[in-house]
PDB file of N, CA and C in Angstrom:
ATOM      1  N   MET A   1       0.840  -1.177   0.000  1.00  0.00           N
ATOM      2  CA  MET A   1       0.000   0.000   0.000  1.00  0.00           C
ATOM      3  C   MET A   1       0.885   1.240   0.000  1.00  0.00           C
ATOM      4  N   ALA A   2       0.561   2.182  -0.817  1.00  0.00           N
ATOM      5  CA  ALA A   2       1.318   3.433  -0.915  1.00  0.00           C
ATOM      6  C   ALA A   2       1.015   4.327   0.285  1.00  0.00           C
ATOM      7  N   GLN A   3       2.069   4.921   0.794  1.00  0.00           N
ATOM      8  CA  GLN A   3       1.922   5.861   1.911  1.00  0.00           C
ATOM      9  C   GLN A   3       2.341   7.240   1.432  1.00  0.00           C
ATOM     10  N   LEU A   4       1.488   8.218   1.661  1.00  0.00           N
ATOM     11  CA  LEU A   4       1.786   9.597   1.314  1.00  0.00           C
ATOM     12  C   LEU A   4       2.916  10.108   2.190  1.00  0.00           C
ATOM     13  N   ILE A   5       3.940  10.682   1.563  1.00  0.00           N
ATOM     14  CA  ILE A   5       5.068  11.251   2.297  1.00  0.00           C
ATOM     15  C   ILE A   5       4.957  12.775   2.315  1.00  0.00           C
ATOM     16  N   ALA A   6       4.702  13.382   1.143  1.00  0.00           N
ATOM     17  CA  ALA A   6       4.631  14.846   1.078  1.00  0.00           C
ATOM     18  C   ALA A   6       3.910  15.282  -0.189  1.00  0.00           C
ATOM     19  N   TYR A   7       3.174  16.370  -0.076  1.00  0.00           N
ATOM     20  CA  TYR A   7       2.593  17.025  -1.243  1.00  0.00           C
ATOM     21  C   TYR A   7       3.586  18.049  -1.774  1.00  0.00           C
ATOM     22  N   HIS A   8       3.429  18.407  -3.032  1.00  0.00           N
ATOM     23  CA  HIS A   8       4.187  19.502  -3.616  1.00  0.00           C
ATOM     24  C   HIS A   8       3.807  20.776  -2.869  1.00  0.00           C
ATOM     25  N   THR A   9       4.694  21.740  -2.803  1.00  0.00           N
ATOM     26  CA  THR A   9       4.421  22.962  -2.032  1.00  0.00           C
ATOM     27  C   THR A   9       3.319  23.825  -2.638  1.00  0.00           C
ATOM     28  N   LYS A  10       3.056  23.695  -3.941  1.00  0.00           N
ATOM     29  CA  LYS A  10       2.044  24.542  -4.593  1.00  0.00           C
ATOM     30  C   LYS A  10       0.745  23.825  -4.912  1.00  0.00           C
ATOM     31  N   THR A  11       0.746  22.496  -4.925  1.00  0.00           N
ATOM     32  CA  THR A  11      -0.449  21.769  -5.336  1.00  0.00           C
ATOM     33  C   THR A  11      -0.477  20.379  -4.719  1.00  0.00           C
ATOM     34  N   THR A  12      -1.670  19.883  -4.484  1.00  0.00           N
ATOM     35  CA  THR A  12      -1.802  18.505  -4.031  1.00  0.00           C
ATOM     36  C   THR A  12      -1.933  17.545  -5.210  1.00  0.00           C
ATOM     37  N   ASP A  13      -1.844  18.082  -6.427  1.00  0.00           N
ATOM     38  CA  ASP A  13      -1.898  17.233  -7.616  1.00  0.00           C
ATOM     39  C   ASP A  13      -0.600  16.459  -7.829  1.00  0.00           C
ATOM     40  N   LEU A  14       0.461  16.844  -7.149  1.00  0.00           N
ATOM     41  CA  LEU A  14       1.732  16.120  -7.186  1.00  0.00           C
ATOM     42  C   LEU A  14       2.110  15.755  -5.763  1.00  0.00           C
ATOM     43  N   ALA A  15       2.574  14.532  -5.584  1.00  0.00           N
ATOM     44  CA  ALA A  15       2.924  14.096  -4.238  1.00  0.00           C
ATOM     45  C   ALA A  15       3.993  13.014  -4.290  1.00  0.00           C
ATOM     46  N   LEU A  16       4.702  12.897  -3.184  1.00  0.00           N
ATOM     47  CA  LEU A  16       5.706  11.860  -3.014  1.00  0.00           C
ATOM     48  C   LEU A  16       5.090  10.742  -2.182  1.00  0.00           C
ATOM     49  N   PHE A  17       5.285   9.524  -2.640  1.00  0.00           N
ATOM     50  CA  PHE A  17       4.760   8.343  -1.965  1.00  0.00           C
ATOM     51  C   PHE A  17       5.877   7.347  -1.699  1.00  0.00           C
ATOM     52  N   GLU A  18       5.610   6.440  -0.763  1.00  0.00           N
ATOM     53  CA  GLU A  18       6.513   5.324  -0.484  1.00  0.00           C
ATOM     54  C   GLU A  18       5.713   4.036  -0.598  1.00  0.00           C
ATOM     55  N   SER A  19       6.252   3.103  -1.365  1.00  0.00           N
ATOM     56  CA  SER A  19       5.637   1.779  -1.507  1.00  0.00           C
ATOM     57  C   SER A  19       6.739   0.738  -1.409  1.00  0.00           C
ATOM     58  N   ASN A  20       6.651  -0.108  -0.419  1.00  0.00           N
ATOM     59  CA  ASN A  20       7.625  -1.198  -0.256  1.00  0.00           C
ATOM     60  C   ASN A  20       9.059  -0.707  -0.261  1.00  0.00           C
ATOM     61  N   GLY A  21       9.310   0.403   0.402  1.00  0.00           N
ATOM     62  CA  GLY A  21      10.666   0.928   0.514  1.00  0.00           C
ATOM     63  C   GLY A  21      11.145   1.717  -0.685  1.00  0.00           C
ATOM     64  N   GLN A  22      10.297   1.909  -1.673  1.00  0.00           N
ATOM     65  CA  GLN A  22      10.656   2.699  -2.849  1.00  0.00           C
ATOM     66  C   GLN A  22       9.826   3.980  -2.859  1.00  0.00           C
ATOM     67  N   TYR A  23      10.475   5.075  -3.198  1.00  0.00           N
ATOM     68  CA  TYR A  23       9.826   6.384  -3.201  1.00  0.00           C
ATOM     69  C   TYR A  23       9.561   6.806  -4.629  1.00  0.00           C
ATOM     70  N   TRP A  24       8.383   7.358  -4.852  1.00  0.00           N
ATOM     71  CA  TRP A  24       7.996   7.765  -6.199  1.00  0.00           C
ATOM     72  C   TRP A  24       7.084   8.981  -6.152  1.00  0.00           C
ATOM     73  N   ILE A  25       7.076   9.702  -7.265  1.00  0.00           N
ATOM     74  CA  ILE A  25       6.233  10.891  -7.393  1.00  0.00           C
ATOM     75  C   ILE A  25       5.031  10.521  -8.251  1.00  0.00           C
ATOM     76  N   GLY A  26       3.865  10.905  -7.752  1.00  0.00           N
ATOM     77  CA  GLY A  26       2.633  10.615  -8.462  1.00  0.00           C
ATOM     78  C   GLY A  26       1.871  11.879  -8.799  1.00  0.00           C
ATOM     79  N   SER A  27       1.099  11.775  -9.866  1.00  0.00           N
ATOM     80  CA  SER A  27       0.225  12.857 -10.298  1.00  0.00           C
ATOM     81  C   SER A  27      -1.220  12.432 -10.046  1.00  0.00           C
ATOM     82  N   TYR A  28      -2.005  13.338  -9.468  1.00  0.00           N
ATOM     83  CA  TYR A  28      -3.403  13.050  -9.162  1.00  0.00           C
ATOM     84  C   TYR A  28      -4.180  12.803 -10.447  1.00  0.00           C
ATOM     85  N   LEU A  29      -4.939  11.739 -10.456  1.00  0.00           N
ATOM     86  CA  LEU A  29      -5.793  11.410 -11.589  1.00  0.00           C
ATOM     87  C   LEU A  29      -7.125  10.932 -11.029  1.00  0.00           C
ATOM     88  N   PRO A  30      -8.151  11.789 -11.062  1.00  0.00           N
ATOM     89  CA  PRO A  30      -9.419  11.415 -10.429  1.00  0.00           C
ATOM     90  C   PRO A  30     -10.038  10.150 -11.014  1.00  0.00           C
ATOM     91  N   GLN A  31      -9.716   9.824 -12.244  1.00  0.00           N
ATOM     92  CA  GLN A  31     -10.261   8.620 -12.867  1.00  0.00           C
ATOM     93  C   GLN A  31      -9.519   7.352 -12.429  1.00  0.00           C
ATOM     94  N   ALA A  32      -8.433   7.508 -11.701  1.00  0.00           N
ATOM     95  CA  ALA A  32      -7.658   6.341 -11.255  1.00  0.00           C
ATOM     96  C   ALA A  32      -8.438   5.613 -10.167  1.00  0.00           C
ATOM     97  N   SER A  33      -8.965   4.505 -10.509  1.00  0.00           N
ATOM     98  CA  SER A  33      -9.715   3.691  -9.566  1.00  0.00           C
ATOM     99  C   SER A  33      -8.959   2.379  -9.408  1.00  0.00           C
ATOM    100  N   HIS A  34      -8.087   2.338  -8.417  1.00  0.00           N
ATOM    101  CA  HIS A  34      -7.226   1.172  -8.253  1.00  0.00           C
ATOM    102  C   HIS A  34      -7.951  -0.018  -7.633  1.00  0.00           C
ATOM    103  N   GLN A  35      -9.140   0.191  -7.092  1.00  0.00           N
ATOM    104  CA  GLN A  35      -9.964  -0.874  -6.524  1.00  0.00           C
ATOM    105  C   GLN A  35      -9.328  -1.575  -5.332  1.00  0.00           C
ATOM    106  N   ASN A  36      -8.281  -0.983  -4.751  1.00  0.00           N
ATOM    107  CA  ASN A  36      -7.638  -1.653  -3.622  1.00  0.00           C
ATOM    108  C   ASN A  36      -7.249  -0.675  -2.516  1.00  0.00           C
ATOM    109  N   GLY A  37      -7.820   0.496  -2.518  1.00  0.00           N
ATOM    110  CA  GLY A  37      -7.524   1.463  -1.475  1.00  0.00           C
ATOM    111  C   GLY A  37      -6.324   2.350  -1.745  1.00  0.00           C
ATOM    112  N   GLU A  38      -5.623   2.117  -2.840  1.00  0.00           N
ATOM    113  CA  GLU A  38      -4.488   2.960  -3.198  1.00  0.00           C
ATOM    114  C   GLU A  38      -4.987   4.363  -3.538  1.00  0.00           C
ATOM    115  N   PRO A  39      -4.185   5.384  -3.271  1.00  0.00           N
ATOM    116  CA  PRO A  39      -4.608   6.753  -3.597  1.00  0.00           C
ATOM    117  C   PRO A  39      -4.713   6.947  -5.111  1.00  0.00           C
ATOM    118  N   PRO A  40      -5.565   7.868  -5.556  1.00  0.00           N
ATOM    119  CA  PRO A  40      -5.776   8.063  -6.998  1.00  0.00           C
ATOM    120  C   PRO A  40      -4.650   8.866  -7.654  1.00  0.00           C
ATOM    121  N   TYR A  41      -3.457   8.356  -7.573  1.00  0.00           N
ATOM    122  CA  TYR A  41      -2.287   8.970  -8.183  1.00  0.00           C
ATOM    123  C   TYR A  41      -1.627   7.947  -9.093  1.00  0.00           C
ATOM    124  N   VAL A  42      -1.043   8.419 -10.181  1.00  0.00           N
ATOM    125  CA  VAL A  42      -0.302   7.539 -11.081  1.00  0.00           C
ATOM    126  C   VAL A  42       1.164   7.940 -11.083  1.00  0.00           C
ATOM    127  N   LEU A  43       2.013   6.974 -11.207  1.00  0.00           N
ATOM    128  CA  LEU A  43       3.453   7.180 -11.207  1.00  0.00           C
ATOM    129  C   LEU A  43       3.867   8.067 -12.376  1.00  0.00           C
ATOM    130  N   ILE A  44       4.618   9.125 -12.064  1.00  0.00           N
ATOM    131  CA  ILE A  44       5.193   9.942 -13.130  1.00  0.00           C
ATOM    132  C   ILE A  44       6.707   9.956 -13.066  1.00  0.00           C
ATOM    133  N   GLU A  45       7.266   9.743 -11.865  1.00  0.00           N
ATOM    134  CA  GLU A  45       8.712   9.660 -11.699  1.00  0.00           C
ATOM    135  C   GLU A  45       9.048   8.761 -10.535  1.00  0.00           C
ATOM    136  N   GLY A  46      10.115   8.059 -10.649  1.00  0.00           N
ATOM    137  CA  GLY A  46      10.580   7.204  -9.568  1.00  0.00           C
ATOM    138  C   GLY A  46      11.542   6.199 -10.147  1.00  0.00           C
ATOM    139  N   TYR A  47      12.113   5.482  -9.394  1.00  0.00           N
ATOM    140  CA  TYR A  47      12.032   5.286  -7.958  1.00  0.00           C
ATOM    141  C   TYR A  47      13.267   5.887  -7.320  1.00  0.00           C
ATOM    142  N   PHE A  48      13.081   6.484  -6.165  1.00  0.00           N
ATOM    143  CA  PHE A  48      14.159   7.146  -5.445  1.00  0.00           C
ATOM    144  C   PHE A  48      14.551   6.264  -4.263  1.00  0.00           C
ATOM    145  N   PRO A  49      15.831   6.223  -3.918  1.00  0.00           N
ATOM    146  CA  PRO A  49      16.286   5.336  -2.840  1.00  0.00           C
ATOM    147  C   PRO A  49      15.871   5.783  -1.442  1.00  0.00           C
ATOM    148  N   ASN A  50      15.523   7.050  -1.282  1.00  0.00           N
ATOM    149  CA  ASN A  50      15.109   7.528   0.040  1.00  0.00           C
ATOM    150  C   ASN A  50      14.214   8.746  -0.116  1.00  0.00           C
ATOM    151  N   ASP A  51      13.592   9.146   0.985  1.00  0.00           N
ATOM    152  CA  ASP A  51      12.647  10.259   0.907  1.00  0.00           C
ATOM    153  C   ASP A  51      13.339  11.595   0.657  1.00  0.00           C
ATOM    154  N   LEU A  52      14.585  11.744   1.070  1.00  0.00           N
ATOM    155  CA  LEU A  52      15.294  13.008   0.833  1.00  0.00           C
ATOM    156  C   LEU A  52      15.482  13.267  -0.657  1.00  0.00           C
ATOM    157  N   GLU A  53      15.866  12.246  -1.396  1.00  0.00           N
ATOM    158  CA  GLU A  53      16.023  12.411  -2.846  1.00  0.00           C
ATOM    159  C   GLU A  53      14.668  12.613  -3.516  1.00  0.00           C
ATOM    160  N   GLY A  54      13.658  11.914  -3.046  1.00  0.00           N
ATOM    161  CA  GLY A  54      12.314  12.090  -3.581  1.00  0.00           C
ATOM    162  C   GLY A  54      11.772  13.484  -3.323  1.00  0.00           C
ATOM    163  N   ARG A  55      11.979  13.983  -2.113  1.00  0.00           N
ATOM    164  CA  ARG A  55      11.532  15.344  -1.775  1.00  0.00           C
ATOM    165  C   ARG A  55      12.284  16.388  -2.592  1.00  0.00           C
ATOM    166  N   ALA A  56      13.580  16.165  -2.790  1.00  0.00           N
ATOM    167  CA  ALA A  56      14.377  17.108  -3.580  1.00  0.00           C
ATOM    168  C   ALA A  56      13.841  17.184  -5.003  1.00  0.00           C
ATOM    169  N   ARG A  57      13.540  16.039  -5.598  1.00  0.00           N
ATOM    170  CA  ARG A  57      13.003  16.043  -6.967  1.00  0.00           C
ATOM    171  C   ARG A  57      11.608  16.652  -7.003  1.00  0.00           C
ATOM    172  N   LEU A  58      10.788  16.356  -6.015  1.00  0.00           N
ATOM    173  CA  LEU A  58       9.444  16.927  -5.951  1.00  0.00           C
ATOM    174  C   LEU A  58       9.520  18.450  -5.895  1.00  0.00           C
ATOM    175  N   ASN A  59      10.471  18.975  -5.133  1.00  0.00           N
ATOM    176  CA  ASN A  59      10.625  20.424  -5.016  1.00  0.00           C
ATOM    177  C   ASN A  59      11.166  21.067  -6.283  1.00  0.00           C
ATOM    178  N   GLU A  60      11.814  20.285  -7.139  1.00  0.00           N
ATOM    179  CA  GLU A  60      12.304  20.816  -8.413  1.00  0.00           C
ATOM    180  C   GLU A  60      11.172  21.026  -9.414  1.00  0.00           C
ATOM    181  N   LEU A  61      10.069  20.342  -9.224  1.00  0.00           N
ATOM    182  CA  LEU A  61       8.940  20.449 -10.139  1.00  0.00           C
ATOM    183  C   LEU A  61       8.197  21.755  -9.872  1.00  0.00           C
ATOM    184  N   SER A  62       7.667  22.365 -10.934  1.00  0.00           N
ATOM    185  CA  SER A  62       6.971  23.644 -10.777  1.00  0.00           C
ATOM    186  C   SER A  62       5.551  23.454 -10.222  1.00  0.00           C
ATOM    187  N   GLY A  63       4.992  22.286 -10.414  1.00  0.00           N
ATOM    188  CA  GLY A  63       3.608  22.040 -10.017  1.00  0.00           C
ATOM    189  C   GLY A  63       2.643  22.178 -11.175  1.00  0.00           C
ATOM    190  N   ASN A  64       3.127  22.630 -12.311  1.00  0.00           N
ATOM    191  CA  ASN A  64       2.293  22.831 -13.498  1.00  0.00           C
ATOM    192  C   ASN A  64       2.544  21.784 -14.578  1.00  0.00           C
ATOM    193  N   GLU A  65       3.406  20.832 -14.312  1.00  0.00           N
ATOM    194  CA  GLU A  65       3.761  19.845 -15.337  1.00  0.00           C
ATOM    195  C   GLU A  65       2.588  18.956 -15.758  1.00  0.00           C
ATOM    196  N   PHE A  66       1.756  18.613 -14.805  1.00  0.00           N
ATOM    197  CA  PHE A  66       0.730  17.612 -15.090  1.00  0.00           C
ATOM    198  C   PHE A  66      -0.616  18.176 -14.770  1.00  0.00           C
TER     199      PHE A  66
END
């Protein structure tokens, strides 16, 4: 199960998640119906070895990419 780590500073449409020890950035997609309780986000970048690298990349994004 994906765990929310951090939202982008300008929008909740981009967020950093952790799944099974891997960190990834997801973009909100309201049509994403995973049918298993996962948040409605789809992978756009990843995987980062730790949350610091994931947060650094998340902060590099403008928030308008997706």
